[in-house]
Amino acid sequence: MKIIVCIKQVPAKDAPLAIAGNWIKESDIGFEMNEPDSYALEEALRLKEKHGGEVIALSLGPERVKQTIKEALAKGADRAIHIVDENFAQLDPLGSAKTLAAAIQKEKVDLVLTGLQSDDHGFGQTGVLLAGLLNLPHATIIMQIEVADGKMKLKRELEAGWFQHIECPLPAVLSIQSGINKVRYATLKGIMAAKKKEIAAMTRESLGVSIEPTQKIEKIYVPTKTKKTEFLTGTPKEVATKLVEKLKFEARVI
């Protein structure tokens, strides 16, 4: 199987974030592999170990993204594609998906895996949009993959503890749920081997994708903490009715 795994680099979980207009200040903070994408990478590596083939790590972003790409190679990816773009933060999910799709179309793959969503923006849209752009079958929230006879048996997580079992043909795009597996660490042998693996670099412009956002973040800010006390008057029945209405329509807890 030839599998491409889309990997995003995000601010580290313990990074001290400072707001700068419509995003965060990126100076003096660390970056790491998006956690949901690490589960997608692990699943790709397990499929390769079981069925053979090749795992390709695909990432979009500035030069610092190579750190995360090298981590993927050290864990077992065979080669990588880096779409170099210093202005990637201006891309919305559709722009990112168009860029990734343009690179994927250059490779004849059996499977494209993404994490369910990113730890920074958390839109959860890129995988679905990618499937649409590539005109491939797609399934989300994947908890189990079994490949046989050119098709896959998939287990999807639904709400309230329910699961759905479906069949999906290959090639396809899958969005992997966190927790599907236990993510491996990069070994010393893997780290040394990664130094010899190919990282093909290309620019977003060379893929013919321009920045034309269909959605944008206007402002990021820390919510203002306020306290408010409201007295409800009337008979016990009237007070109870008012309380239920406020819990339901204002607090939205019932």
C-alpha atoms as a PDB file:
ATOM      1  CA  MET A   1       0.000   0.000   0.000  1.00  0.00           C
ATOM      2  CA  LYS A   2       1.121   3.528  -0.746  1.00  0.00           C
ATOM      3  CA  ILE A   3      -0.116   5.776   2.052  1.00  0.00           C
ATOM      4  CA  ILE A   4       0.179   9.542   2.464  1.00  0.00           C
ATOM      5  CA  VAL A   5      -0.232  10.945   5.967  1.00  0.00           C
ATOM      6  CA  CYS A   6      -1.015  14.654   6.290  1.00  0.00           C
ATOM      7  CA  ILE A   7       0.832  16.046   9.309  1.00  0.00           C
ATOM      8  CA  LYS A   8       0.524  19.508  10.817  1.00  0.00           C
ATOM      9  CA  GLN A   9       2.948  21.250  13.138  1.00  0.00           C
ATOM     10  CA  VAL A  10       1.208  23.075  15.996  1.00  0.00           C
ATOM     11  CA  PRO A  11       2.294  25.043  19.093  1.00  0.00           C
ATOM     12  CA  ALA A  12       3.403  22.769  21.923  1.00  0.00           C
ATOM     13  CA  LYS A  13       0.779  22.077  24.576  1.00  0.00           C
ATOM     14  CA  ASP A  14       2.857  23.741  27.286  1.00  0.00           C
ATOM     15  CA  ALA A  15       3.837  26.745  25.122  1.00  0.00           C
ATOM     16  CA  PRO A  16       3.196  30.155  26.772  1.00  0.00           C
ATOM     17  CA  LEU A  17       0.814  31.640  24.205  1.00  0.00           C
ATOM     18  CA  ALA A  18       0.467  35.382  23.703  1.00  0.00           C
ATOM     19  CA  ILE A  19      -2.254  36.853  21.499  1.00  0.00           C
ATOM     20  CA  ALA A  20      -1.305  39.043  18.532  1.00  0.00           C
ATOM     21  CA  GLY A  21      -4.431  40.328  16.784  1.00  0.00           C
ATOM     22  CA  ASN A  22      -6.124  37.422  15.033  1.00  0.00           C
ATOM     23  CA  TRP A  23      -3.580  34.758  16.001  1.00  0.00           C
ATOM     24  CA  ILE A  24      -0.822  34.036  18.503  1.00  0.00           C
ATOM     25  CA  LYS A  25       2.747  35.313  18.677  1.00  0.00           C
ATOM     26  CA  GLU A  26       4.982  32.536  17.381  1.00  0.00           C
ATOM     27  CA  SER A  27       8.255  33.888  18.721  1.00  0.00           C
ATOM     28  CA  ASP A  28       9.858  32.062  21.646  1.00  0.00           C
ATOM     29  CA  ILE A  29       7.432  29.112  21.668  1.00  0.00           C
ATOM     30  CA  GLY A  30       8.010  25.470  20.839  1.00  0.00           C
ATOM     31  CA  PHE A  31       6.222  23.446  18.186  1.00  0.00           C
ATOM     32  CA  GLU A  32       5.306  19.774  17.913  1.00  0.00           C
ATOM     33  CA  MET A  33       3.414  17.291  15.773  1.00  0.00           C
ATOM     34  CA  ASN A  34      -0.348  17.668  15.949  1.00  0.00           C
ATOM     35  CA  GLU A  35      -1.466  14.880  18.309  1.00  0.00           C
ATOM     36  CA  PRO A  36      -4.366  13.548  16.171  1.00  0.00           C
ATOM     37  CA  ASP A  37      -1.961  13.375  13.206  1.00  0.00           C
ATOM     38  CA  SER A  38       0.458  11.269  15.243  1.00  0.00           C
ATOM     39  CA  TYR A  39      -2.275   8.622  15.547  1.00  0.00           C
ATOM     40  CA  ALA A  40      -2.822   8.779  11.773  1.00  0.00           C
ATOM     41  CA  LEU A  41       0.913   8.287  11.221  1.00  0.00           C
ATOM     42  CA  GLU A  42       1.007   5.326  13.604  1.00  0.00           C
ATOM     43  CA  GLU A  43      -1.939   3.711  11.825  1.00  0.00           C
ATOM     44  CA  ALA A  44      -0.218   4.178   8.453  1.00  0.00           C
ATOM     45  CA  LEU A  45       2.948   2.543   9.784  1.00  0.00           C
ATOM     46  CA  ARG A  46       0.957  -0.410  11.137  1.00  0.00           C
ATOM     47  CA  LEU A  47      -0.804  -0.886   7.791  1.00  0.00           C
ATOM     48  CA  LYS A  48       2.570  -0.825   6.035  1.00  0.00           C
ATOM     49  CA  GLU A  49       3.990  -3.412   8.445  1.00  0.00           C
ATOM     50  CA  LYS A  50       1.009  -5.671   7.791  1.00  0.00           C
ATOM     51  CA  HIS A  51       0.512  -5.197   4.040  1.00  0.00           C
ATOM     52  CA  GLY A  52       3.833  -3.766   2.830  1.00  0.00           C
ATOM     53  CA  GLY A  53       4.230  -0.608   0.780  1.00  0.00           C
ATOM     54  CA  GLU A  54       5.320   2.942   1.503  1.00  0.00           C
ATOM     55  CA  VAL A  55       4.375   5.692   3.959  1.00  0.00           C
ATOM     56  CA  ILE A  56       4.848   9.304   2.859  1.00  0.00           C
ATOM     57  CA  ALA A  57       4.609  12.187   5.340  1.00  0.00           C
ATOM     58  CA  LEU A  58       3.098  15.355   3.840  1.00  0.00           C
ATOM     59  CA  SER A  59       3.273  18.688   5.646  1.00  0.00           C
ATOM     60  CA  LEU A  60       2.563  22.338   4.860  1.00  0.00           C
ATOM     61  CA  GLY A  61       4.262  25.303   6.516  1.00  0.00           C
ATOM     62  CA  PRO A  62       7.467  27.303   6.968  1.00  0.00           C
ATOM     63  CA  GLU A  63      11.011  25.993   7.350  1.00  0.00           C
ATOM     64  CA  ARG A  64      10.464  25.035  11.014  1.00  0.00           C
ATOM     65  CA  VAL A  65       8.026  22.316   9.874  1.00  0.00           C
ATOM     66  CA  LYS A  66      11.021  20.181   8.884  1.00  0.00           C
ATOM     67  CA  GLN A  67      11.475  19.397  12.589  1.00  0.00           C
ATOM     68  CA  THR A  68       8.114  17.625  12.638  1.00  0.00           C
ATOM     69  CA  ILE A  69       8.744  15.990   9.254  1.00  0.00           C
ATOM     70  CA  LYS A  70      12.005  14.518  10.543  1.00  0.00           C
ATOM     71  CA  GLU A  71      10.133  13.143  13.558  1.00  0.00           C
ATOM     72  CA  ALA A  72       7.735  11.340  11.208  1.00  0.00           C
ATOM     73  CA  LEU A  73      10.668   9.931   9.241  1.00  0.00           C
ATOM     74  CA  ALA A  74      12.368   8.813  12.453  1.00  0.00           C
ATOM     75  CA  LYS A  75       9.235   6.939  13.488  1.00  0.00           C
ATOM     76  CA  GLY A  76       9.192   5.013  10.217  1.00  0.00           C
ATOM     77  CA  ALA A  77       7.836   7.075   7.310  1.00  0.00           C
ATOM     78  CA  ASP A  78       9.806   6.235   4.141  1.00  0.00           C
ATOM     79  CA  ARG A  79      10.002   9.741   2.686  1.00  0.00           C
ATOM     80  CA  ALA A  80       8.386  13.142   3.028  1.00  0.00           C
ATOM     81  CA  ILE A  81       6.963  16.034   1.049  1.00  0.00           C
ATOM     82  CA  HIS A  82       7.302  19.550   2.462  1.00  0.00           C
ATOM     83  CA  ILE A  83       5.160  22.269   0.916  1.00  0.00           C
ATOM     84  CA  VAL A  84       7.121  25.343   1.939  1.00  0.00           C
ATOM     85  CA  ASP A  85       4.865  28.310   2.677  1.00  0.00           C
ATOM     86  CA  GLU A  86       5.765  31.142   5.043  1.00  0.00           C
ATOM     87  CA  ASN A  87       2.218  32.534   4.724  1.00  0.00           C
ATOM     88  CA  PHE A  88       0.409  29.280   5.461  1.00  0.00           C
ATOM     89  CA  ALA A  89      -1.348  30.828   8.477  1.00  0.00           C
ATOM     90  CA  GLN A  90      -3.424  32.909   6.041  1.00  0.00           C
ATOM     91  CA  LEU A  91      -4.897  29.765   4.503  1.00  0.00           C
ATOM     92  CA  ASP A  92      -8.334  28.617   5.597  1.00  0.00           C
ATOM     93  CA  PRO A  93      -9.207  24.868   5.630  1.00  0.00           C
ATOM     94  CA  LEU A  94     -10.201  24.955   1.951  1.00  0.00           C
ATOM     95  CA  GLY A  95      -6.940  26.640   0.973  1.00  0.00           C
ATOM     96  CA  SER A  96      -4.942  24.113   2.973  1.00  0.00           C
ATOM     97  CA  ALA A  97      -6.895  21.224   1.437  1.00  0.00           C
ATOM     98  CA  LYS A  98      -6.352  22.573  -2.091  1.00  0.00           C
ATOM     99  CA  THR A  99      -2.619  22.810  -1.450  1.00  0.00           C
ATOM    100  CA  LEU A 100      -2.381  19.298  -0.005  1.00  0.00           C
ATOM    101  CA  ALA A 101      -4.562  17.882  -2.792  1.00  0.00           C
ATOM    102  CA  ALA A 102      -2.321  19.410  -5.472  1.00  0.00           C
ATOM    103  CA  ALA A 103       0.695  17.646  -3.962  1.00  0.00           C
ATOM    104  CA  ILE A 104      -1.158  14.349  -3.459  1.00  0.00           C
ATOM    105  CA  GLN A 105      -2.302  14.290  -7.091  1.00  0.00           C
ATOM    106  CA  LYS A 106       1.339  13.955  -8.112  1.00  0.00           C
ATOM    107  CA  GLU A 107       1.468  10.623  -6.269  1.00  0.00           C
ATOM    108  CA  LYS A 108      -0.631   7.566  -7.095  1.00  0.00           C
ATOM    109  CA  VAL A 109      -1.701   6.564  -3.591  1.00  0.00           C
ATOM    110  CA  ASP A 110      -3.970   3.896  -2.156  1.00  0.00           C
ATOM    111  CA  LEU A 111      -4.830   5.753   1.029  1.00  0.00           C
ATOM    112  CA  VAL A 112      -4.669   9.256   2.493  1.00  0.00           C
ATOM    113  CA  LEU A 113      -4.844   9.608   6.276  1.00  0.00           C
ATOM    114  CA  THR A 114      -5.362  12.745   8.347  1.00  0.00           C
ATOM    115  CA  GLY A 115      -5.947  13.373  12.026  1.00  0.00           C
ATOM    116  CA  LEU A 116      -9.527  14.181  12.952  1.00  0.00           C
ATOM    117  CA  GLN A 117      -8.679  17.831  13.661  1.00  0.00           C
ATOM    118  CA  SER A 118      -5.785  20.092  14.560  1.00  0.00           C
ATOM    119  CA  ASP A 119      -4.887  21.067  18.124  1.00  0.00           C
ATOM    120  CA  ASP A 120      -4.615  24.756  17.208  1.00  0.00           C
ATOM    121  CA  HIS A 121      -7.544  25.739  14.967  1.00  0.00           C
ATOM    122  CA  GLY A 122      -9.622  22.605  15.538  1.00  0.00           C
ATOM    123  CA  PHE A 123     -11.787  23.079  12.439  1.00  0.00           C
ATOM    124  CA  GLY A 124     -11.920  19.363  11.587  1.00  0.00           C
ATOM    125  CA  GLN A 125     -12.589  20.219   7.932  1.00  0.00           C
ATOM    126  CA  THR A 126      -9.376  19.500   6.026  1.00  0.00           C
ATOM    127  CA  GLY A 127      -9.834  15.735   5.645  1.00  0.00           C
ATOM    128  CA  VAL A 128     -13.391  16.039   4.340  1.00  0.00           C
ATOM    129  CA  LEU A 129     -12.468  18.842   1.922  1.00  0.00           C
ATOM    130  CA  LEU A 130      -9.426  16.889   0.761  1.00  0.00           C
ATOM    131  CA  ALA A 131     -11.594  13.907  -0.137  1.00  0.00           C
ATOM    132  CA  GLY A 132     -13.948  16.141  -2.102  1.00  0.00           C
ATOM    133  CA  LEU A 133     -11.115  17.771  -4.027  1.00  0.00           C
ATOM    134  CA  LEU A 134      -9.542  14.395  -4.834  1.00  0.00           C
ATOM    135  CA  ASN A 135     -12.941  12.885  -5.649  1.00  0.00           C
ATOM    136  CA  LEU A 136     -12.294   9.949  -3.307  1.00  0.00           C
ATOM    137  CA  PRO A 137     -14.500   8.089  -0.799  1.00  0.00           C
ATOM    138  CA  HIS A 138     -14.124   9.392   2.731  1.00  0.00           C
ATOM    139  CA  ALA A 139     -14.945   8.364   6.289  1.00  0.00           C
ATOM    140  CA  THR A 140     -14.329  10.161   9.593  1.00  0.00           C
ATOM    141  CA  ILE A 141     -13.701   9.294  13.259  1.00  0.00           C
ATOM    142  CA  ILE A 142     -12.043   5.995  12.323  1.00  0.00           C
ATOM    143  CA  MET A 143     -11.278   3.635  15.214  1.00  0.00           C
ATOM    144  CA  GLN A 144     -10.244   0.518  13.274  1.00  0.00           C
ATOM    145  CA  ILE A 145      -9.060  -0.349   9.742  1.00  0.00           C
ATOM    146  CA  GLU A 146      -8.967  -3.790   8.144  1.00  0.00           C
ATOM    147  CA  VAL A 147      -7.769  -4.035   4.537  1.00  0.00           C
ATOM    148  CA  ALA A 148      -8.580  -6.991   2.297  1.00  0.00           C
ATOM    149  CA  ASP A 149      -9.316  -7.576  -1.407  1.00  0.00           C
ATOM    150  CA  GLY A 150      -8.959  -3.935  -2.428  1.00  0.00           C
ATOM    151  CA  LYS A 151     -11.395  -2.581   0.154  1.00  0.00           C
ATOM    152  CA  MET A 152     -11.506  -1.674   3.830  1.00  0.00           C
ATOM    153  CA  LYS A 153     -13.693  -2.616   6.747  1.00  0.00           C
ATOM    154  CA  LEU A 154     -13.888   0.417   9.022  1.00  0.00           C
ATOM    155  CA  LYS A 155     -15.100   1.025  12.559  1.00  0.00           C
ATOM    156  CA  ARG A 156     -16.371   4.558  13.178  1.00  0.00           C
ATOM    157  CA  GLU A 157     -17.053   6.133  16.556  1.00  0.00           C
ATOM    158  CA  LEU A 158     -20.462   7.745  16.895  1.00  0.00           C
ATOM    159  CA  GLU A 159     -22.117   9.572  19.774  1.00  0.00           C
ATOM    160  CA  ALA A 160     -23.185   8.139  23.114  1.00  0.00           C
ATOM    161  CA  GLY A 161     -20.826   5.154  22.934  1.00  0.00           C
ATOM    162  CA  TRP A 162     -22.182   3.819  19.638  1.00  0.00           C
ATOM    163  CA  PHE A 163     -20.045   2.563  16.749  1.00  0.00           C
ATOM    164  CA  GLN A 164     -20.693   2.083  13.045  1.00  0.00           C
ATOM    165  CA  HIS A 165     -19.112  -0.639  10.889  1.00  0.00           C
ATOM    166  CA  ILE A 166     -18.863   0.160   7.181  1.00  0.00           C
ATOM    167  CA  GLU A 167     -17.032  -0.944   4.039  1.00  0.00           C
ATOM    168  CA  CYS A 168     -15.054   1.517   1.942  1.00  0.00           C
ATOM    169  CA  PRO A 169     -13.243   0.983  -1.387  1.00  0.00           C
ATOM    170  CA  LEU A 170      -9.648   1.949  -2.084  1.00  0.00           C
ATOM    171  CA  PRO A 171      -8.269   4.504  -2.744  1.00  0.00           C
ATOM    172  CA  ALA A 172      -9.866   6.658  -0.061  1.00  0.00           C
ATOM    173  CA  VAL A 173      -9.319   9.427   2.493  1.00  0.00           C
ATOM    174  CA  LEU A 174      -9.788   8.656   6.196  1.00  0.00           C
ATOM    175  CA  SER A 175      -9.810  10.949   9.230  1.00  0.00           C
ATOM    176  CA  ILE A 176      -8.369   9.058  12.214  1.00  0.00           C
ATOM    177  CA  GLN A 177      -9.721   9.358  15.745  1.00  0.00           C
ATOM    178  CA  SER A 178      -7.243   9.938  18.565  1.00  0.00           C
ATOM    179  CA  GLY A 179      -6.760   6.825  20.675  1.00  0.00           C
ATOM    180  CA  ILE A 180      -7.093   4.354  17.794  1.00  0.00           C
ATOM    181  CA  ASN A 181      -3.665   2.995  18.699  1.00  0.00           C
ATOM    182  CA  LYS A 182      -0.640   3.496  20.922  1.00  0.00           C
ATOM    183  CA  VAL A 183       1.785   5.905  19.260  1.00  0.00           C
ATOM    184  CA  ARG A 184       5.383   4.700  19.056  1.00  0.00           C
ATOM    185  CA  TYR A 185       8.484   6.689  19.983  1.00  0.00           C
ATOM    186  CA  ALA A 186      11.290   7.324  17.548  1.00  0.00           C
ATOM    187  CA  THR A 187      14.222   4.994  18.237  1.00  0.00           C
ATOM    188  CA  LEU A 188      17.879   5.988  17.985  1.00  0.00           C
ATOM    189  CA  LYS A 189      18.148   3.741  14.923  1.00  0.00           C
ATOM    190  CA  GLY A 190      15.126   5.484  13.393  1.00  0.00           C
ATOM    191  CA  ILE A 191      16.555   8.932  14.104  1.00  0.00           C
ATOM    192  CA  MET A 192      19.835   8.018  12.389  1.00  0.00           C
ATOM    193  CA  ALA A 193      18.007   6.468   9.432  1.00  0.00           C
ATOM    194  CA  ALA A 194      15.841   9.588   9.026  1.00  0.00           C
ATOM    195  CA  LYS A 195      18.916  11.619   8.113  1.00  0.00           C
ATOM    196  CA  LYS A 196      19.219   9.661   4.866  1.00  0.00           C
ATOM    197  CA  LYS A 197      15.556   9.798   3.894  1.00  0.00           C
ATOM    198  CA  GLU A 198      14.245  12.099   1.171  1.00  0.00           C
ATOM    199  CA  ILE A 199      12.366  15.312   1.956  1.00  0.00           C
ATOM    200  CA  ALA A 200      11.032  16.694  -1.328  1.00  0.00           C
ATOM    201  CA  ALA A 201      10.454  20.450  -1.006  1.00  0.00           C
ATOM    202  CA  MET A 202       8.063  22.464  -3.157  1.00  0.00           C
ATOM    203  CA  THR A 203       6.216  25.767  -2.798  1.00  0.00           C
ATOM    204  CA  ARG A 204       2.493  26.372  -2.676  1.00  0.00           C
ATOM    205  CA  GLU A 205       2.866  28.745  -5.628  1.00  0.00           C
ATOM    206  CA  SER A 206       4.506  26.007  -7.722  1.00  0.00           C
ATOM    207  CA  LEU A 207       1.386  23.897  -7.116  1.00  0.00           C
ATOM    208  CA  GLY A 208      -0.782  26.687  -8.502  1.00  0.00           C
ATOM    209  CA  VAL A 209      -2.646  27.426  -5.263  1.00  0.00           C
ATOM    210  CA  SER A 210      -3.237  31.055  -4.283  1.00  0.00           C
ATOM    211  CA  ILE A 211      -4.484  32.505  -0.995  1.00  0.00           C
ATOM    212  CA  GLU A 212      -8.205  33.132  -1.468  1.00  0.00           C
ATOM    213  CA  PRO A 213      -9.746  32.571   1.979  1.00  0.00           C
ATOM    214  CA  THR A 214     -13.446  31.800   2.239  1.00  0.00           C
ATOM    215  CA  GLN A 215     -13.360  32.205   6.020  1.00  0.00           C
ATOM    216  CA  LYS A 216     -11.087  34.006   8.426  1.00  0.00           C
ATOM    217  CA  ILE A 217     -10.498  34.651  12.114  1.00  0.00           C
ATOM    218  CA  GLU A 218     -11.351  38.256  12.910  1.00  0.00           C
ATOM    219  CA  LYS A 219     -10.035  38.372  16.462  1.00  0.00           C
ATOM    220  CA  ILE A 220      -8.756  36.191  19.275  1.00  0.00           C
ATOM    221  CA  TYR A 221      -9.160  37.408  22.841  1.00  0.00           C
ATOM    222  CA  VAL A 222      -9.387  36.176  26.403  1.00  0.00           C
ATOM    223  CA  PRO A 223     -12.989  36.287  27.674  1.00  0.00           C
ATOM    224  CA  THR A 224     -13.696  38.924  30.313  1.00  0.00           C
ATOM    225  CA  LYS A 225     -14.675  37.423  33.647  1.00  0.00           C
ATOM    226  CA  THR A 226     -17.789  39.025  35.132  1.00  0.00           C
ATOM    227  CA  LYS A 227     -20.113  38.249  38.021  1.00  0.00           C
ATOM    228  CA  LYS A 228     -23.845  38.812  37.977  1.00  0.00           C
ATOM    229  CA  THR A 229     -26.485  38.052  40.560  1.00  0.00           C
ATOM    230  CA  GLU A 230     -30.148  37.964  39.591  1.00  0.00           C
ATOM    231  CA  PHE A 231     -33.019  37.488  42.022  1.00  0.00           C
ATOM    232  CA  LEU A 232     -36.099  35.639  40.828  1.00  0.00           C
ATOM    233  CA  THR A 233     -39.383  36.694  42.365  1.00  0.00           C
ATOM    234  CA  GLY A 234     -42.863  35.209  42.403  1.00  0.00           C
ATOM    235  CA  THR A 235     -44.509  32.084  43.668  1.00  0.00           C
ATOM    236  CA  PRO A 236     -42.402  28.912  43.984  1.00  0.00           C
ATOM    237  CA  LYS A 237     -43.949  27.631  40.743  1.00  0.00           C
ATOM    238  CA  GLU A 238     -43.198  30.885  38.895  1.00  0.00           C
ATOM    239  CA  VAL A 239     -39.613  30.991  40.217  1.00  0.00           C
ATOM    240  CA  ALA A 240     -39.050  27.357  39.198  1.00  0.00           C
ATOM    241  CA  THR A 241     -40.376  28.084  35.692  1.00  0.00           C
ATOM    242  CA  LYS A 242     -38.115  31.140  35.321  1.00  0.00           C
ATOM    243  CA  LEU A 243     -35.111  29.185  36.625  1.00  0.00           C
ATOM    244  CA  VAL A 244     -35.646  26.361  34.145  1.00  0.00           C
ATOM    245  CA  GLU A 245     -35.952  28.843  31.269  1.00  0.00           C
ATOM    246  CA  LYS A 246     -32.679  30.539  32.236  1.00  0.00           C
ATOM    247  CA  LEU A 247     -30.837  27.233  32.645  1.00  0.00           C
ATOM    248  CA  LYS A 248     -32.137  26.086  29.275  1.00  0.00           C
ATOM    249  CA  PHE A 249     -31.876  29.218  27.107  1.00  0.00           C
ATOM    250  CA  GLU A 250     -29.201  31.361  28.802  1.00  0.00           C
ATOM    251  CA  ALA A 251     -26.862  28.965  30.615  1.00  0.00           C
ATOM    252  CA  ARG A 252     -27.684  26.163  28.130  1.00  0.00           C
ATOM    253  CA  VAL A 253     -26.972  23.445  30.656  1.00  0.00           C
ATOM    254  CA  ILE A 254     -30.251  21.528  30.210  1.00  0.00           C
END
